[in-house]
Amino acid sequence: MAKYRNQLPQLSDRFFIISGGLETYLVYQKKMNLPYSATFPVLKSEAGCEVIKDYLSQFAMIAKKYGAGLIFQAVTWRASPDYLKKLGYEIEDLPSIVQQAVDLLVDIRNEYETETTPIVINASMGPRGDGYNPTTIMSPDEAQTYHSTQINAFSQSKADFITAFTLNYPEEAIGIVRAAKAVNMPIAISFTVSSDGRLPTGQSLKDAIEMVDSVTVKAPIYYMINCAHPNTFEKLLDPKEAWVQRIHGFKSNASKKTHEQLDESKELDDGNPQEFGQCNLALLKKLKHVNILGGCCGTDIRHIEETCKACCNACT
């Protein structure tokens, strides 16, 4: 049974952190090969499970150190039908993949959670295609049908909620929200933005959020922004606007480079962890309703600790 599914603690004003960029950590620091940036195959071996556990445990210790809440992400971002097939799995493997990924987080939570550091388990999912380049656009109905398989598996696990990360057009988000609502799973939507603050399709973040909220009657529990440095989007967010108030978190890149530059880069750009923390503080000072901060590409434990140093007192 999921512990927090019916009463998610991050919906309060308590400060929560999310872990850093797992994919870039595994590729650049652990020298692992991740076809299609899929991390769930790492759990096939005991050694892989230990790598994931050790990585995530660092963030649990940081959360406890600073008295922050923590949102754990299951390694299921690419555990969807198309990618299962590309990676040599069968669709029938999905329930056991999800269960293993979520149960690993439950074990870590049992070890580290305290009254002052609630740990919420997030079933992470991604778009059908590339998070940076939406080459195929589905209708909401098509997206609901496609993503229902993964979402149904999440609903049968101990995951507390779902976040759909790196989405880049609203029709897919609408389908995902509908699929989650059909099985009573709380869901957050996180959009990818480009260097101009717009979605990769060119649509404004404002229009995308307003469209999803209008069609789904504000079914997402909140929205997030991912895969961009805070400097990219901070100037676009007016706290007085209703659509901005629906954004409760950021999972930002360490680098200020564009998506195209990052795709072509042969080396990891981990930016400046201290500056990253200060940029997150600037976001919190501007957007009083935001209470969830984490890291995406290029970030690691340093970036999240600098965020805690800068931001924990600002949220109390």
Protein backbone atom coordinates (compact mmCIF):
# COMPACT_ATOMS: atom_id res chain seq x y z
CA MET A 1 0.00 0.00 0.00
CA ALA A 2 1.26 3.47 -0.89
CA LYS A 3 2.08 5.52 2.21
CA TYR A 4 1.26 9.07 1.08
CA ARG A 5 -0.92 8.67 -2.02
CA ASN A 6 -3.98 10.14 -0.34
CA GLN A 7 -2.16 12.92 1.52
CA LEU A 8 0.96 14.10 -0.26
CA PRO A 9 3.17 16.09 2.15
CA GLN A 10 4.71 18.23 -0.60
CA LEU A 11 1.32 19.86 -1.12
CA SER A 12 1.98 21.76 2.10
CA ASP A 13 4.45 24.66 2.31
CA ARG A 14 7.24 22.36 3.55
CA PHE A 15 10.49 22.54 1.54
CA PHE A 16 11.28 19.43 -0.53
CA ILE A 17 14.30 18.44 -2.56
CA ILE A 18 14.57 16.02 -5.46
CA SER A 19 17.75 14.17 -6.37
CA GLY A 20 20.13 15.34 -9.08
CA GLY A 21 20.61 14.12 -12.64
CA LEU A 22 20.87 10.34 -12.33
CA GLU A 23 21.40 9.69 -16.03
CA THR A 24 24.36 12.04 -16.38
CA TYR A 25 25.80 10.74 -13.10
CA LEU A 26 25.70 7.13 -14.34
CA VAL A 27 27.12 7.97 -17.78
CA TYR A 28 29.84 10.45 -16.86
CA GLN A 29 30.83 9.46 -13.32
CA LYS A 30 30.11 5.72 -13.26
CA LYS A 31 30.97 5.21 -16.96
CA MET A 32 27.82 3.21 -17.66
CA ASN A 33 26.24 2.76 -21.07
CA LEU A 34 22.58 3.82 -21.01
CA PRO A 35 20.87 3.18 -24.35
CA TYR A 36 18.01 5.67 -24.83
CA SER A 37 18.98 7.14 -21.41
CA ALA A 38 17.07 4.31 -19.76
CA THR A 39 18.09 3.63 -16.16
CA PHE A 40 15.75 0.82 -15.19
CA PRO A 41 17.99 -1.88 -16.83
CA VAL A 42 20.66 -0.98 -14.26
CA LEU A 43 18.54 -2.82 -11.69
CA LYS A 44 19.06 -6.15 -13.46
CA SER A 45 22.18 -6.77 -11.37
CA GLU A 46 22.83 -6.57 -7.65
CA ALA A 47 25.77 -4.29 -8.37
CA GLY A 48 23.49 -1.96 -10.33
CA CYS A 49 20.96 -1.89 -7.49
CA GLU A 50 23.75 -0.93 -5.09
CA VAL A 51 24.88 1.92 -7.35
CA ILE A 52 21.35 3.34 -7.43
CA LYS A 53 20.88 2.84 -3.70
CA ASP A 54 24.20 4.50 -2.85
CA TYR A 55 23.43 7.42 -5.14
CA LEU A 56 19.97 8.06 -3.72
CA SER A 57 21.07 7.54 -0.12
CA GLN A 58 23.31 10.61 -0.48
CA PHE A 59 20.24 12.77 -1.02
CA ALA A 60 18.43 11.18 1.91
CA MET A 61 21.34 12.11 4.16
CA ILE A 62 21.36 15.69 2.82
CA ALA A 63 17.60 15.99 3.39
CA LYS A 64 18.01 14.83 6.98
CA LYS A 65 20.96 17.16 7.53
CA TYR A 66 18.95 20.23 6.51
CA GLY A 67 15.52 19.13 7.73
CA ALA A 68 14.03 19.06 4.24
CA GLY A 69 11.48 16.71 2.76
CA LEU A 70 12.63 14.45 -0.06
CA ILE A 71 11.00 13.20 -3.24
CA PHE A 72 12.56 9.99 -4.53
CA GLN A 73 12.23 9.24 -8.25
CA ALA A 74 11.88 5.66 -9.40
CA VAL A 75 14.16 4.73 -12.32
CA THR A 76 11.13 4.27 -14.58
CA TRP A 77 11.36 7.36 -16.81
CA ARG A 78 11.97 5.18 -19.88
CA ALA A 79 9.94 2.14 -18.75
CA SER A 80 7.22 2.69 -21.33
CA PRO A 81 6.01 0.39 -24.15
CA ASP A 82 8.13 1.70 -27.05
CA TYR A 83 11.35 1.78 -25.05
CA LEU A 84 10.73 -1.61 -23.46
CA LYS A 85 10.60 -3.06 -26.97
CA LYS A 86 13.71 -1.15 -28.12
CA LEU A 87 15.62 -2.44 -25.10
CA GLY A 88 14.62 -6.07 -25.61
CA TYR A 89 11.91 -6.36 -22.98
CA GLU A 90 8.32 -7.55 -23.27
CA ILE A 91 5.36 -5.49 -22.15
CA GLU A 92 4.61 -8.26 -19.67
CA ASP A 93 7.86 -7.36 -17.89
CA LEU A 94 6.57 -3.91 -16.96
CA PRO A 95 4.81 -4.70 -13.64
CA SER A 96 7.90 -6.42 -12.23
CA ILE A 97 10.17 -3.60 -13.47
CA VAL A 98 7.99 -1.01 -11.73
CA GLN A 99 7.72 -3.07 -8.56
CA GLN A 100 11.48 -3.53 -8.29
CA ALA A 101 12.17 0.15 -8.91
CA VAL A 102 9.59 1.32 -6.37
CA ASP A 103 10.41 -1.31 -3.73
CA LEU A 104 14.06 -0.19 -3.81
CA LEU A 105 12.90 3.30 -2.83
CA VAL A 106 10.65 1.93 -0.11
CA ASP A 107 13.66 0.15 1.40
CA ILE A 108 15.72 3.36 1.39
CA ARG A 109 12.79 5.30 2.87
CA ASN A 110 12.47 2.79 5.69
CA GLU A 111 16.13 3.42 6.52
CA TYR A 112 16.23 7.21 6.35
CA GLU A 113 12.77 8.74 6.84
CA THR A 114 12.11 10.77 9.99
CA GLU A 115 9.30 12.97 11.21
CA THR A 116 11.14 16.05 9.97
CA THR A 117 12.21 14.42 6.69
CA PRO A 118 9.22 12.80 4.99
CA ILE A 119 10.22 10.82 1.91
CA VAL A 120 7.70 10.61 -0.92
CA ILE A 121 8.02 8.03 -3.69
CA ASN A 122 7.51 9.36 -7.19
CA ALA A 123 6.85 7.09 -10.16
CA SER A 124 8.79 8.93 -12.85
CA MET A 125 7.69 8.72 -16.49
CA GLY A 126 8.67 10.46 -19.69
CA PRO A 127 7.36 11.31 -23.13
CA ARG A 128 6.85 8.75 -25.85
CA GLY A 129 9.56 10.42 -27.90
CA ASP A 130 12.57 12.64 -27.31
CA GLY A 131 12.27 15.09 -24.43
CA TYR A 132 14.13 17.77 -26.39
CA ASN A 133 12.70 17.18 -29.87
CA PRO A 134 8.99 16.32 -30.32
CA THR A 135 9.07 14.67 -33.72
CA THR A 136 5.71 12.89 -33.37
CA ILE A 137 2.70 14.63 -31.86
CA MET A 138 -0.06 12.44 -30.43
CA SER A 139 -3.61 13.49 -29.77
CA PRO A 140 -4.78 13.42 -26.15
CA ASP A 141 -6.68 10.19 -26.85
CA GLU A 142 -3.64 8.55 -28.42
CA ALA A 143 -1.46 9.64 -25.52
CA GLN A 144 -3.93 8.32 -22.96
CA THR A 145 -4.02 4.92 -24.66
CA TYR A 146 -0.24 4.72 -25.01
CA HIS A 147 0.67 5.80 -21.48
CA SER A 148 -2.10 3.87 -19.69
CA THR A 149 -0.02 0.68 -19.63
CA GLN A 150 2.77 2.26 -17.59
CA ILE A 151 0.42 4.30 -15.41
CA ASN A 152 -1.68 1.23 -14.58
CA ALA A 153 1.49 -0.53 -13.42
CA PHE A 154 2.34 2.48 -11.24
CA SER A 155 -1.10 2.36 -9.65
CA GLN A 156 -0.51 -1.23 -8.53
CA SER A 157 2.79 -0.34 -6.86
CA LYS A 158 3.63 1.48 -3.62
CA ALA A 159 4.39 4.70 -5.48
CA ASP A 160 2.76 7.72 -3.85
CA PHE A 161 2.30 9.73 -7.03
CA ILE A 162 3.47 10.16 -10.63
CA THR A 163 5.45 12.92 -12.30
CA ALA A 164 5.61 13.02 -16.09
CA PHE A 165 8.97 14.66 -16.82
CA THR A 166 10.43 16.22 -19.98
CA LEU A 167 7.08 16.64 -21.71
CA ASN A 168 7.23 19.07 -24.61
CA TYR A 169 3.68 19.55 -25.86
CA PRO A 170 0.35 19.78 -24.01
CA GLU A 171 -1.65 17.14 -25.90
CA GLU A 172 0.56 14.37 -24.52
CA ALA A 173 0.29 15.85 -21.04
CA ILE A 174 -3.52 15.85 -21.30
CA GLY A 175 -3.56 12.17 -22.25
CA ILE A 176 -1.21 11.30 -19.38
CA VAL A 177 -3.34 13.21 -16.88
CA ARG A 178 -6.48 11.45 -18.08
CA ALA A 179 -4.81 8.04 -17.77
CA ALA A 180 -3.67 8.82 -14.22
CA LYS A 181 -7.06 10.15 -13.23
CA ALA A 182 -8.70 6.94 -14.49
CA VAL A 183 -6.78 4.92 -11.86
CA ASN A 184 -6.89 7.58 -9.12
CA MET A 185 -3.17 8.34 -9.20
CA PRO A 186 -2.08 11.88 -8.26
CA ILE A 187 0.02 13.31 -11.06
CA ALA A 188 2.31 16.27 -11.62
CA ILE A 189 3.34 17.52 -15.05
CA SER A 190 6.86 18.80 -15.78
CA PHE A 191 7.54 20.56 -19.08
CA THR A 192 10.86 20.90 -20.86
CA VAL A 193 11.69 24.45 -21.87
CA SER A 194 14.27 25.67 -24.38
CA SER A 195 16.74 28.54 -24.01
CA ASP A 196 13.99 31.03 -24.91
CA GLY A 197 11.74 29.74 -22.12
CA ARG A 198 9.32 28.14 -24.58
CA LEU A 199 8.53 24.50 -25.13
CA PRO A 200 10.58 22.83 -27.89
CA THR A 201 7.51 23.12 -30.14
CA GLY A 202 7.71 26.92 -29.82
CA GLN A 203 4.56 27.08 -27.72
CA SER A 204 4.70 29.26 -24.63
CA LEU A 205 4.75 27.59 -21.22
CA LYS A 206 1.78 29.76 -20.27
CA ASP A 207 -0.33 28.44 -23.14
CA ALA A 208 0.65 24.84 -22.43
CA ILE A 209 -0.23 24.97 -18.74
CA GLU A 210 -3.47 26.83 -19.37
CA MET A 211 -4.46 24.33 -22.06
CA VAL A 212 -3.84 21.30 -19.83
CA ASP A 213 -5.65 22.89 -16.91
CA SER A 214 -8.61 23.89 -19.07
CA VAL A 215 -9.09 20.47 -20.67
CA THR A 216 -8.48 18.43 -17.49
CA VAL A 217 -10.22 20.83 -15.08
CA LYS A 218 -6.94 21.43 -13.22
CA ALA A 219 -6.39 17.72 -12.57
CA PRO A 220 -2.56 17.91 -12.20
CA ILE A 221 -1.58 18.40 -8.56
CA TYR A 222 1.01 20.95 -9.77
CA TYR A 223 3.41 21.71 -12.60
CA MET A 224 7.20 21.76 -12.78
CA ILE A 225 9.87 22.95 -15.20
CA ASN A 226 12.82 20.74 -16.11
CA CYS A 227 15.92 20.54 -18.30
CA ALA A 228 16.91 24.20 -18.31
CA HIS A 229 19.13 26.38 -16.14
CA PRO A 230 17.13 28.65 -13.78
CA ASN A 231 18.42 31.71 -15.63
CA THR A 232 16.50 30.51 -18.69
CA PHE A 233 13.01 30.82 -17.29
CA GLU A 234 13.17 32.94 -14.11
CA LYS A 235 12.54 36.19 -15.97
CA LEU A 236 9.42 34.78 -17.64
CA LEU A 237 7.60 33.94 -14.41
CA ASP A 238 5.35 36.64 -12.97
CA PRO A 239 4.14 35.50 -9.53
CA LYS A 240 0.91 37.46 -9.94
CA GLU A 241 -0.23 35.35 -12.90
CA ALA A 242 -2.52 32.41 -12.16
CA TRP A 243 -0.70 29.97 -14.46
CA VAL A 244 2.61 30.70 -12.70
CA GLN A 245 1.03 29.92 -9.34
CA ARG A 246 0.36 26.39 -10.62
CA ILE A 247 4.13 25.79 -10.86
CA HIS A 248 5.45 24.37 -7.60
CA GLY A 249 8.86 23.01 -8.52
CA PHE A 250 11.93 23.07 -10.72
CA LYS A 251 14.31 20.33 -11.77
CA SER A 252 16.92 22.45 -13.47
CA ASN A 253 20.04 21.76 -15.52
CA ALA A 254 23.47 22.60 -14.16
CA SER A 255 24.55 24.00 -17.51
CA LYS A 256 23.47 27.21 -19.21
CA LYS A 257 24.00 25.62 -22.64
CA THR A 258 21.15 25.06 -25.07
CA HIS A 259 19.72 21.57 -25.59
CA GLU A 260 21.47 21.41 -28.96
CA GLN A 261 24.82 22.28 -27.40
CA LEU A 262 24.34 19.68 -24.66
CA ASP A 263 23.45 16.98 -27.20
CA GLU A 264 26.70 17.68 -29.07
CA SER A 265 28.88 17.92 -25.97
CA LYS A 266 31.43 15.16 -25.35
CA GLU A 267 32.06 16.21 -21.75
CA LEU A 268 29.77 16.86 -18.83
CA ASP A 269 29.03 20.50 -18.08
CA ASP A 270 28.29 20.54 -14.37
CA GLY A 271 28.08 24.33 -14.15
CA ASN A 272 28.70 26.03 -10.81
CA PRO A 273 26.99 24.29 -7.86
CA GLN A 274 27.11 27.36 -5.60
CA GLU A 275 25.65 29.59 -8.30
CA PHE A 276 23.00 26.93 -8.92
CA GLY A 277 21.94 27.14 -5.27
CA GLN A 278 21.80 30.93 -5.38
CA CYS A 279 19.71 30.86 -8.57
CA ASN A 280 17.26 28.55 -6.85
CA LEU A 281 17.13 30.93 -3.89
CA ALA A 282 16.28 33.78 -6.27
CA LEU A 283 13.40 31.69 -7.61
CA LEU A 284 12.08 31.04 -4.10
CA LYS A 285 12.25 34.69 -3.17
CA LYS A 286 10.32 35.63 -6.28
CA LEU A 287 7.83 32.73 -6.28
CA LYS A 288 6.63 32.26 -2.70
CA HIS A 289 4.44 29.28 -3.61
CA VAL A 290 7.34 27.16 -4.93
CA ASN A 291 8.61 24.52 -2.49
CA ILE A 292 10.18 21.72 -4.60
CA LEU A 293 13.70 21.97 -6.00
CA GLY A 294 15.92 19.39 -7.63
CA GLY A 295 18.46 18.89 -10.36
CA CYS A 296 18.40 17.55 -13.90
CA CYS A 297 21.24 17.11 -16.42
CA GLY A 298 24.71 17.67 -14.99
CA THR A 299 23.65 18.10 -11.37
CA ASP A 300 24.72 15.91 -8.48
CA ILE A 301 24.83 15.94 -4.69
CA ARG A 302 26.87 19.18 -4.68
CA HIS A 303 24.15 21.13 -6.48
CA ILE A 304 21.43 19.85 -4.20
CA GLU A 305 23.41 20.55 -1.03
CA GLU A 306 24.13 24.10 -2.22
CA THR A 307 20.39 24.46 -2.88
CA CYS A 308 19.64 23.29 0.66
CA LYS A 309 22.21 25.67 2.14
CA ALA A 310 20.69 28.58 0.26
CA CYS A 311 17.01 27.72 0.38
CA CYS A 312 16.03 25.75 3.49
CA ASN A 313 15.76 28.83 5.71
CA ALA A 314 13.86 30.72 2.99
CA CYS A 315 11.05 28.14 3.12
CA THR A 316 10.62 28.15 6.90
